[in-house]
Amino acid sequence: MSSRPRLVRRESAGVPCARREAAMDQGRTPTIEDVAAAAGVSRSTVSRVINDDERVSARVRTQVRRAISDLAYSPNPAAQALARGGRRGGAAGVA
């Protein structure tokens, strides 16, 4: 069984998201996987929403954006630079 905490949906603006708290308790920032779990979609769908892909429905886009907001998720610039496979954005690779 997974040791990751179960997601508890945020019911009101005054109640912090359990997944964000769990990530912070573990000394890490929320990941794209955390956003996907919170929104109930795949990691690929979260990526499509972040990159404004038009193939994502408005309903799902709203779910994902709400999860991104609830978790205070922000993409890691170094990871994005590595994923692009270049030095765009000024990130240095590891030799």
PDB file of N, CA and C in Angstrom:
ATOM      1  N   MET A   1       0.831  -1.176   0.000  1.00  0.00           N
ATOM      2  CA  MET A   1       0.000   0.000   0.000  1.00  0.00           C
ATOM      3  C   MET A   1       0.878   1.243   0.000  1.00  0.00           C
ATOM      4  N   SER A   2       0.451   2.288  -0.638  1.00  0.00           N
ATOM      5  CA  SER A   2       1.216   3.516  -0.754  1.00  0.00           C
ATOM      6  C   SER A   2       1.301   4.257   0.574  1.00  0.00           C
ATOM      7  N   SER A   3       2.452   4.872   0.809  1.00  0.00           N
ATOM      8  CA  SER A   3       2.625   5.649   2.038  1.00  0.00           C
ATOM      9  C   SER A   3       2.196   7.101   1.851  1.00  0.00           C
ATOM     10  N   ARG A   4       1.747   7.446   0.646  1.00  0.00           N
ATOM     11  CA  ARG A   4       1.315   8.815   0.378  1.00  0.00           C
ATOM     12  C   ARG A   4      -0.025   9.066   1.058  1.00  0.00           C
ATOM     13  N   PRO A   5      -0.212  10.256   1.607  1.00  0.00           N
ATOM     14  CA  PRO A   5      -1.470  10.562   2.291  1.00  0.00           C
ATOM     15  C   PRO A   5      -2.631  10.649   1.309  1.00  0.00           C
ATOM     16  N   ARG A   6      -3.810  10.301   1.807  1.00  0.00           N
ATOM     17  CA  ARG A   6      -5.011  10.417   0.970  1.00  0.00           C
ATOM     18  C   ARG A   6      -5.364  11.883   0.818  1.00  0.00           C
ATOM     19  N   LEU A   7      -5.906  12.216  -0.316  1.00  0.00           N
ATOM     20  CA  LEU A   7      -6.301  13.580  -0.611  1.00  0.00           C
ATOM     21  C   LEU A   7      -7.609  13.918   0.083  1.00  0.00           C
ATOM     22  N   VAL A   8      -7.651  15.060   0.704  1.00  0.00           N
ATOM     23  CA  VAL A   8      -8.882  15.580   1.281  1.00  0.00           C
ATOM     24  C   VAL A   8      -9.178  16.876   0.550  1.00  0.00           C
ATOM     25  N   ARG A   9     -10.303  16.911  -0.151  1.00  0.00           N
ATOM     26  CA  ARG A   9     -10.646  18.096  -0.934  1.00  0.00           C
ATOM     27  C   ARG A   9     -10.866  19.294  -0.033  1.00  0.00           C
ATOM     28  N   ARG A  10     -10.427  20.423  -0.469  1.00  0.00           N
ATOM     29  CA  ARG A  10     -10.599  21.654   0.267  1.00  0.00           C
ATOM     30  C   ARG A  10     -12.032  22.126   0.106  1.00  0.00           C
ATOM     31  N   GLU A  11     -12.748  22.279   1.191  1.00  0.00           N
ATOM     32  CA  GLU A  11     -14.161  22.643   1.142  1.00  0.00           C
ATOM     33  C   GLU A  11     -14.392  24.138   1.193  1.00  0.00           C
ATOM     34  N   SER A  12     -13.496  24.890   1.839  1.00  0.00           N
ATOM     35  CA  SER A  12     -13.676  26.333   1.908  1.00  0.00           C
ATOM     36  C   SER A  12     -12.325  27.013   1.813  1.00  0.00           C
ATOM     37  N   ALA A  13     -12.348  28.291   1.539  1.00  0.00           N
ATOM     38  CA  ALA A  13     -11.111  29.033   1.352  1.00  0.00           C
ATOM     39  C   ALA A  13     -10.266  29.076   2.623  1.00  0.00           C
ATOM     40  N   GLY A  14     -10.879  28.934   3.798  1.00  0.00           N
ATOM     41  CA  GLY A  14     -10.144  29.012   5.043  1.00  0.00           C
ATOM     42  C   GLY A  14      -9.478  27.725   5.470  1.00  0.00           C
ATOM     43  N   VAL A  15      -9.741  26.620   4.769  1.00  0.00           N
ATOM     44  CA  VAL A  15      -9.196  25.319   5.158  1.00  0.00           C
ATOM     45  C   VAL A  15      -8.070  24.948   4.199  1.00  0.00           C
ATOM     46  N   PRO A  16      -6.844  24.763   4.705  1.00  0.00           N
ATOM     47  CA  PRO A  16      -5.735  24.424   3.815  1.00  0.00           C
ATOM     48  C   PRO A  16      -5.895  23.025   3.219  1.00  0.00           C
ATOM     49  N   CYS A  17      -5.343  22.832   2.059  1.00  0.00           N
ATOM     50  CA  CYS A  17      -5.427  21.553   1.357  1.00  0.00           C
ATOM     51  C   CYS A  17      -4.518  20.527   2.035  1.00  0.00           C
ATOM     52  N   ALA A  18      -5.039  19.349   2.310  1.00  0.00           N
ATOM     53  CA  ALA A  18      -4.288  18.305   3.003  1.00  0.00           C
ATOM     54  C   ALA A  18      -3.074  17.852   2.199  1.00  0.00           C
ATOM     55  N   ARG A  19      -3.208  17.774   0.887  1.00  0.00           N
ATOM     56  CA  ARG A  19      -2.079  17.315   0.067  1.00  0.00           C
ATOM     57  C   ARG A  19      -0.929  18.320   0.127  1.00  0.00           C
ATOM     58  N   ARG A  20      -1.247  19.616   0.114  1.00  0.00           N
ATOM     59  CA  ARG A  20      -0.204  20.634   0.210  1.00  0.00           C
ATOM     60  C   ARG A  20       0.483  20.543   1.568  1.00  0.00           C
ATOM     61  N   GLU A  21      -0.308  20.389   2.621  1.00  0.00           N
ATOM     62  CA  GLU A  21       0.263  20.247   3.959  1.00  0.00           C
ATOM     63  C   GLU A  21       1.166  19.022   4.034  1.00  0.00           C
ATOM     64  N   ALA A  22       0.734  17.922   3.433  1.00  0.00           N
ATOM     65  CA  ALA A  22       1.533  16.697   3.457  1.00  0.00           C
ATOM     66  C   ALA A  22       2.856  16.900   2.725  1.00  0.00           C
ATOM     67  N   ALA A  23       2.807  17.586   1.589  1.00  0.00           N
ATOM     68  CA  ALA A  23       4.029  17.860   0.832  1.00  0.00           C
ATOM     69  C   ALA A  23       4.973  18.742   1.645  1.00  0.00           C
ATOM     70  N   MET A  24       4.414  19.765   2.281  1.00  0.00           N
ATOM     71  CA  MET A  24       5.239  20.665   3.069  1.00  0.00           C
ATOM     72  C   MET A  24       5.807  19.948   4.291  1.00  0.00           C
ATOM     73  N   ASP A  25       5.028  19.049   4.903  1.00  0.00           N
ATOM     74  CA  ASP A  25       5.511  18.276   6.042  1.00  0.00           C
ATOM     75  C   ASP A  25       6.695  17.399   5.644  1.00  0.00           C
ATOM     76  N   GLN A  26       6.709  16.950   4.403  1.00  0.00           N
ATOM     77  CA  GLN A  26       7.788  16.104   3.913  1.00  0.00           C
ATOM     78  C   GLN A  26       8.957  16.943   3.393  1.00  0.00           C
ATOM     79  N   GLY A  27       8.874  18.263   3.539  1.00  0.00           N
ATOM     80  CA  GLY A  27       9.956  19.139   3.120  1.00  0.00           C
ATOM     81  C   GLY A  27      10.066  19.293   1.621  1.00  0.00           C
ATOM     82  N   ARG A  28       8.952  19.191   0.929  1.00  0.00           N
ATOM     83  CA  ARG A  28       8.993  19.327  -0.529  1.00  0.00           C
ATOM     84  C   ARG A  28       7.818  20.178  -1.002  1.00  0.00           C
ATOM     85  N   THR A  29       7.955  20.691  -2.196  1.00  0.00           N
ATOM     86  CA  THR A  29       6.863  21.453  -2.787  1.00  0.00           C
ATOM     87  C   THR A  29       5.954  20.498  -3.544  1.00  0.00           C
ATOM     88  N   PRO A  30       4.696  20.867  -3.763  1.00  0.00           N
ATOM     89  CA  PRO A  30       3.784  19.995  -4.512  1.00  0.00           C
ATOM     90  C   PRO A  30       4.302  19.734  -5.935  1.00  0.00           C
ATOM     91  N   THR A  31       4.083  18.525  -6.408  1.00  0.00           N
ATOM     92  CA  THR A  31       4.532  18.138  -7.752  1.00  0.00           C
ATOM     93  C   THR A  31       3.347  18.067  -8.708  1.00  0.00           C
ATOM     94  N   ILE A  32       3.652  17.872  -9.970  1.00  0.00           N
ATOM     95  CA  ILE A  32       2.605  17.719 -10.982  1.00  0.00           C
ATOM     96  C   ILE A  32       1.762  16.475 -10.670  1.00  0.00           C
ATOM     97  N   GLU A  33       2.372  15.471 -10.067  1.00  0.00           N
ATOM     98  CA  GLU A  33       1.638  14.272  -9.667  1.00  0.00           C
ATOM     99  C   GLU A  33       0.634  14.593  -8.560  1.00  0.00           C
ATOM    100  N   ASP A  34       1.022  15.467  -7.630  1.00  0.00           N
ATOM    101  CA  ASP A  34       0.103  15.897  -6.580  1.00  0.00           C
ATOM    102  C   ASP A  34      -1.093  16.634  -7.179  1.00  0.00           C
ATOM    103  N   VAL A  35      -0.831  17.490  -8.161  1.00  0.00           N
ATOM    104  CA  VAL A  35      -1.905  18.229  -8.832  1.00  0.00           C
ATOM    105  C   VAL A  35      -2.835  17.258  -9.545  1.00  0.00           C
ATOM    106  N   ALA A  36      -2.258  16.287 -10.253  1.00  0.00           N
ATOM    107  CA  ALA A  36      -3.061  15.302 -10.979  1.00  0.00           C
ATOM    108  C   ALA A  36      -3.963  14.522 -10.026  1.00  0.00           C
ATOM    109  N   ALA A  37      -3.411  14.091  -8.892  1.00  0.00           N
ATOM    110  CA  ALA A  37      -4.205  13.346  -7.912  1.00  0.00           C
ATOM    111  C   ALA A  37      -5.314  14.216  -7.337  1.00  0.00           C
ATOM    112  N   ALA A  38      -5.006  15.467  -7.041  1.00  0.00           N
ATOM    113  CA  ALA A  38      -6.001  16.374  -6.474  1.00  0.00           C
ATOM    114  C   ALA A  38      -7.135  16.658  -7.455  1.00  0.00           C
ATOM    115  N   ALA A  39      -6.807  16.748  -8.742  1.00  0.00           N
ATOM    116  CA  ALA A  39      -7.809  17.041  -9.764  1.00  0.00           C
ATOM    117  C   ALA A  39      -8.499  15.786 -10.282  1.00  0.00           C
ATOM    118  N   GLY A  40      -7.945  14.619  -9.983  1.00  0.00           N
ATOM    119  CA  GLY A  40      -8.528  13.367 -10.461  1.00  0.00           C
ATOM    120  C   GLY A  40      -8.289  13.128 -11.943  1.00  0.00           C
ATOM    121  N   VAL A  41      -7.122  13.592 -12.424  1.00  0.00           N
ATOM    122  CA  VAL A  41      -6.772  13.426 -13.830  1.00  0.00           C
ATOM    123  C   VAL A  41      -5.357  12.855 -13.928  1.00  0.00           C
ATOM    124  N   SER A  42      -4.898  12.631 -15.144  1.00  0.00           N
ATOM    125  CA  SER A  42      -3.539  12.118 -15.334  1.00  0.00           C
ATOM    126  C   SER A  42      -2.526  13.253 -15.321  1.00  0.00           C
ATOM    127  N   ARG A  43      -1.276  12.860 -15.148  1.00  0.00           N
ATOM    128  CA  ARG A  43      -0.165  13.812 -15.186  1.00  0.00           C
ATOM    129  C   ARG A  43      -0.122  14.522 -16.542  1.00  0.00           C
ATOM    130  N   SER A  44      -0.403  13.787 -17.598  1.00  0.00           N
ATOM    131  CA  SER A  44      -0.402  14.363 -18.944  1.00  0.00           C
ATOM    132  C   SER A  44      -1.459  15.452 -19.086  1.00  0.00           C
ATOM    133  N   THR A  45      -2.619  15.235 -18.493  1.00  0.00           N
ATOM    134  CA  THR A  45      -3.682  16.232 -18.563  1.00  0.00           C
ATOM    135  C   THR A  45      -3.263  17.503 -17.850  1.00  0.00           C
ATOM    136  N   VAL A  46      -2.620  17.376 -16.699  1.00  0.00           N
ATOM    137  CA  VAL A  46      -2.124  18.559 -15.985  1.00  0.00           C
ATOM    138  C   VAL A  46      -1.129  19.307 -16.868  1.00  0.00           C
ATOM    139  N   SER A  47      -0.233  18.584 -17.497  1.00  0.00           N
ATOM    140  CA  SER A  47       0.743  19.204 -18.387  1.00  0.00           C
ATOM    141  C   SER A  47       0.052  19.937 -19.532  1.00  0.00           C
ATOM    142  N   ARG A  48      -0.988  19.319 -20.095  1.00  0.00           N
ATOM    143  CA  ARG A  48      -1.723  19.967 -21.186  1.00  0.00           C
ATOM    144  C   ARG A  48      -2.386  21.264 -20.725  1.00  0.00           C
ATOM    145  N   VAL A  49      -2.929  21.261 -19.515  1.00  0.00           N
ATOM    146  CA  VAL A  49      -3.557  22.475 -18.987  1.00  0.00           C
ATOM    147  C   VAL A  49      -2.503  23.560 -18.779  1.00  0.00           C
ATOM    148  N   ILE A  50      -1.368  23.193 -18.191  1.00  0.00           N
ATOM    149  CA  ILE A  50      -0.294  24.156 -17.955  1.00  0.00           C
ATOM    150  C   ILE A  50       0.188  24.770 -19.267  1.00  0.00           C
ATOM    151  N   ASN A  51       0.227  23.960 -20.325  1.00  0.00           N
ATOM    152  CA  ASN A  51       0.713  24.419 -21.629  1.00  0.00           C
ATOM    153  C   ASN A  51      -0.397  24.916 -22.547  1.00  0.00           C
ATOM    154  N   ASP A  52      -1.604  25.137 -21.991  1.00  0.00           N
ATOM    155  CA  ASP A  52      -2.747  25.672 -22.734  1.00  0.00           C
ATOM    156  C   ASP A  52      -3.103  24.872 -23.982  1.00  0.00           C
ATOM    157  N   ASP A  53      -3.048  23.549 -23.878  1.00  0.00           N
ATOM    158  CA  ASP A  53      -3.446  22.688 -24.983  1.00  0.00           C
ATOM    159  C   ASP A  53      -4.966  22.763 -25.150  1.00  0.00           C
ATOM    160  N   GLU A  54      -5.416  22.973 -26.353  1.00  0.00           N
ATOM    161  CA  GLU A  54      -6.854  23.148 -26.603  1.00  0.00           C
ATOM    162  C   GLU A  54      -7.655  21.850 -26.533  1.00  0.00           C
ATOM    163  N   ARG A  55      -6.983  20.701 -26.415  1.00  0.00           N
ATOM    164  CA  ARG A  55      -7.694  19.420 -26.374  1.00  0.00           C
ATOM    165  C   ARG A  55      -8.304  19.112 -25.011  1.00  0.00           C
ATOM    166  N   VAL A  56      -8.111  19.973 -24.021  1.00  0.00           N
ATOM    167  CA  VAL A  56      -8.640  19.743 -22.677  1.00  0.00           C
ATOM    168  C   VAL A  56      -9.972  20.479 -22.550  1.00  0.00           C
ATOM    169  N   SER A  57     -10.989  19.778 -22.061  1.00  0.00           N
ATOM    170  CA  SER A  57     -12.305  20.387 -21.915  1.00  0.00           C
ATOM    171  C   SER A  57     -12.279  21.494 -20.858  1.00  0.00           C
ATOM    172  N   ALA A  58     -13.240  22.396 -20.957  1.00  0.00           N
ATOM    173  CA  ALA A  58     -13.329  23.512 -20.014  1.00  0.00           C
ATOM    174  C   ALA A  58     -13.532  23.013 -18.588  1.00  0.00           C
ATOM    175  N   ARG A  59     -14.329  21.969 -18.416  1.00  0.00           N
ATOM    176  CA  ARG A  59     -14.594  21.426 -17.084  1.00  0.00           C
ATOM    177  C   ARG A  59     -13.325  20.878 -16.452  1.00  0.00           C
ATOM    178  N   VAL A  60     -12.574  20.095 -17.213  1.00  0.00           N
ATOM    179  CA  VAL A  60     -11.339  19.510 -16.698  1.00  0.00           C
ATOM    180  C   VAL A  60     -10.296  20.605 -16.465  1.00  0.00           C
ATOM    181  N   ARG A  61     -10.219  21.558 -17.361  1.00  0.00           N
ATOM    182  CA  ARG A  61      -9.282  22.676 -17.213  1.00  0.00           C
ATOM    183  C   ARG A  61      -9.549  23.411 -15.886  1.00  0.00           C
ATOM    184  N   THR A  62     -10.830  23.615 -15.576  1.00  0.00           N
ATOM    185  CA  THR A  62     -11.205  24.289 -14.328  1.00  0.00           C
ATOM    186  C   THR A  62     -10.791  23.455 -13.119  1.00  0.00           C
ATOM    187  N   GLN A  63     -11.023  22.132 -13.179  1.00  0.00           N
ATOM    188  CA  GLN A  63     -10.626  21.234 -12.089  1.00  0.00           C
ATOM    189  C   GLN A  63      -9.127  21.321 -11.828  1.00  0.00           C
ATOM    190  N   VAL A  64      -8.354  21.259 -12.902  1.00  0.00           N
ATOM    191  CA  VAL A  64      -6.899  21.267 -12.777  1.00  0.00           C
ATOM    192  C   VAL A  64      -6.424  22.621 -12.259  1.00  0.00           C
ATOM    193  N   ARG A  65      -6.961  23.690 -12.775  1.00  0.00           N
ATOM    194  CA  ARG A  65      -6.545  25.025 -12.309  1.00  0.00           C
ATOM    195  C   ARG A  65      -6.902  25.226 -10.841  1.00  0.00           C
ATOM    196  N   ARG A  66      -8.032  24.675 -10.410  1.00  0.00           N
ATOM    197  CA  ARG A  66      -8.405  24.769  -8.994  1.00  0.00           C
ATOM    198  C   ARG A  66      -7.396  23.988  -8.145  1.00  0.00           C
ATOM    199  N   ALA A  67      -7.015  22.813  -8.596  1.00  0.00           N
ATOM    200  CA  ALA A  67      -6.030  22.014  -7.860  1.00  0.00           C
ATOM    201  C   ALA A  67      -4.680  22.721  -7.810  1.00  0.00           C
ATOM    202  N   ILE A  68      -4.276  23.329  -8.916  1.00  0.00           N
ATOM    203  CA  ILE A  68      -3.021  24.084  -8.955  1.00  0.00           C
ATOM    204  C   ILE A  68      -3.066  25.213  -7.928  1.00  0.00           C
ATOM    205  N   SER A  69      -4.179  25.906  -7.881  1.00  0.00           N
ATOM    206  CA  SER A  69      -4.344  27.002  -6.929  1.00  0.00           C
ATOM    207  C   SER A  69      -4.371  26.498  -5.494  1.00  0.00           C
ATOM    208  N   ASP A  70      -5.147  25.438  -5.237  1.00  0.00           N
ATOM    209  CA  ASP A  70      -5.266  24.885  -3.890  1.00  0.00           C
ATOM    210  C   ASP A  70      -3.919  24.414  -3.344  1.00  0.00           C
ATOM    211  N   LEU A  71      -3.099  23.842  -4.213  1.00  0.00           N
ATOM    212  CA  LEU A  71      -1.815  23.300  -3.799  1.00  0.00           C
ATOM    213  C   LEU A  71      -0.689  24.334  -3.845  1.00  0.00           C
ATOM    214  N   ALA A  72      -0.974  25.496  -4.402  1.00  0.00           N
ATOM    215  CA  ALA A  72       0.054  26.526  -4.613  1.00  0.00           C
ATOM    216  C   ALA A  72       1.206  25.937  -5.435  1.00  0.00           C
ATOM    217  N   TYR A  73       0.845  25.185  -6.481  1.00  0.00           N
ATOM    218  CA  TYR A  73       1.830  24.539  -7.347  1.00  0.00           C
ATOM    219  C   TYR A  73       2.437  25.556  -8.307  1.00  0.00           C
ATOM    220  N   SER A  74       3.739  25.465  -8.498  1.00  0.00           N
ATOM    221  CA  SER A  74       4.382  26.229  -9.564  1.00  0.00           C
ATOM    222  C   SER A  74       5.427  25.319 -10.207  1.00  0.00           C
ATOM    223  N   PRO A  75       5.471  25.310 -11.530  1.00  0.00           N
ATOM    224  CA  PRO A  75       6.419  24.437 -12.228  1.00  0.00           C
ATOM    225  C   PRO A  75       7.861  24.773 -11.864  1.00  0.00           C
ATOM    226  N   ASN A  76       8.708  23.756 -11.847  1.00  0.00           N
ATOM    227  CA  ASN A  76      10.122  23.916 -11.548  1.00  0.00           C
ATOM    228  C   ASN A  76      10.845  24.336 -12.825  1.00  0.00           C
ATOM    229  N   PRO A  77      11.426  25.545 -12.873  1.00  0.00           N
ATOM    230  CA  PRO A  77      12.081  26.028 -14.095  1.00  0.00           C
ATOM    231  C   PRO A  77      13.240  25.141 -14.545  1.00  0.00           C
ATOM    232  N   ALA A  78      13.997  24.590 -13.618  1.00  0.00           N
ATOM    233  CA  ALA A  78      15.113  23.721 -13.996  1.00  0.00           C
ATOM    234  C   ALA A  78      14.606  22.452 -14.666  1.00  0.00           C
ATOM    235  N   ALA A  79      13.528  21.883 -14.121  1.00  0.00           N
ATOM    236  CA  ALA A  79      12.954  20.674 -14.712  1.00  0.00           C
ATOM    237  C   ALA A  79      12.388  20.970 -16.092  1.00  0.00           C
ATOM    238  N   GLN A  80      11.758  22.134 -16.246  1.00  0.00           N
ATOM    239  CA  GLN A  80      11.222  22.508 -17.551  1.00  0.00           C
ATOM    240  C   GLN A  80      12.340  22.652 -18.579  1.00  0.00           C
ATOM    241  N   ALA A  81      13.448  23.263 -18.180  1.00  0.00           N
ATOM    242  CA  ALA A  81      14.575  23.440 -19.099  1.00  0.00           C
ATOM    243  C   ALA A  81      15.147  22.093 -19.525  1.00  0.00           C
ATOM    244  N   LEU A  82      15.254  21.171 -18.572  1.00  0.00           N
ATOM    245  CA  LEU A  82      15.764  19.844 -18.908  1.00  0.00           C
ATOM    246  C   LEU A  82      14.797  19.103 -19.823  1.00  0.00           C
ATOM    247  N   ALA A  83      13.501  19.253 -19.584  1.00  0.00           N
ATOM    248  CA  ALA A  83      12.500  18.588 -20.417  1.00  0.00           C
ATOM    249  C   ALA A  83      12.523  19.115 -21.840  1.00  0.00           C
ATOM    250  N   ARG A  84      12.821  20.405 -21.984  1.00  0.00           N
ATOM    251  CA  ARG A  84      12.897  20.995 -23.330  1.00  0.00           C
ATOM    252  C   ARG A  84      14.147  20.531 -24.060  1.00  0.00           C
ATOM    253  N   GLY A  85      15.121  20.046 -23.305  1.00  0.00           N
ATOM    254  CA  GLY A  85      16.325  19.515 -23.931  1.00  0.00           C
ATOM    255  C   GLY A  85      17.298  20.570 -24.387  1.00  0.00           C
ATOM    256  N   GLY A  86      17.199  21.738 -23.848  1.00  0.00           N
ATOM    257  CA  GLY A  86      18.121  22.780 -24.270  1.00  0.00           C
ATOM    258  C   GLY A  86      18.483  23.692 -23.133  1.00  0.00           C
ATOM    259  N   ARG A  87      19.174  24.737 -23.484  1.00  0.00           N
ATOM    260  CA  ARG A  87      19.592  25.696 -22.474  1.00  0.00           C
ATOM    261  C   ARG A  87      18.708  26.922 -22.465  1.00  0.00           C
ATOM    262  N   ARG A  88      17.584  26.863 -23.168  1.00  0.00           N
ATOM    263  CA  ARG A  88      16.643  27.974 -23.141  1.00  0.00           C
ATOM    264  C   ARG A  88      16.247  28.224 -21.704  1.00  0.00           C
ATOM    265  N   GLY A  89      16.195  29.443 -21.313  1.00  0.00           N
ATOM    266  CA  GLY A  89      15.818  29.765 -19.947  1.00  0.00           C
ATOM    267  C   GLY A  89      17.002  29.819 -19.008  1.00  0.00           C
ATOM    268  N   GLY A  90      18.204  29.555 -19.507  1.00  0.00           N
ATOM    269  CA  GLY A  90      19.404  29.732 -18.712  1.00  0.00           C
ATOM    270  C   GLY A  90      19.736  28.618 -17.743  1.00  0.00           C
ATOM    271  N   ALA A  91      19.063  27.494 -17.800  1.00  0.00           N
ATOM    272  CA  ALA A  91      19.390  26.395 -16.887  1.00  0.00           C
ATOM    273  C   ALA A  91      20.580  25.623 -17.422  1.00  0.00           C
ATOM    274  N   ALA A  92      21.459  25.246 -16.546  1.00  0.00           N
ATOM    275  CA  ALA A  92      22.642  24.474 -16.939  1.00  0.00           C
ATOM    276  C   ALA A  92      22.369  22.992 -16.744  1.00  0.00           C
ATOM    277  N   GLY A  93      22.869  22.181 -17.646  1.00  0.00           N
ATOM    278  CA  GLY A  93      22.717  20.742 -17.528  1.00  0.00           C
ATOM    279  C   GLY A  93      23.862  20.132 -16.736  1.00  0.00           C
ATOM    280  N   VAL A  94      23.720  18.874 -16.370  1.00  0.00           N
ATOM    281  CA  VAL A  94      24.753  18.153 -15.649  1.00  0.00           C
ATOM    282  C   VAL A  94      25.526  17.325 -16.638  1.00  0.00           C
ATOM    283  N   ALA A  95      26.844  17.452 -16.599  1.00  0.00           N
ATOM    284  CA  ALA A  95      27.679  16.721 -17.564  1.00  0.00           C
ATOM    285  C   ALA A  95      28.135  15.409 -16.989  1.00  0.00           C
TER     286      ALA A  95
END
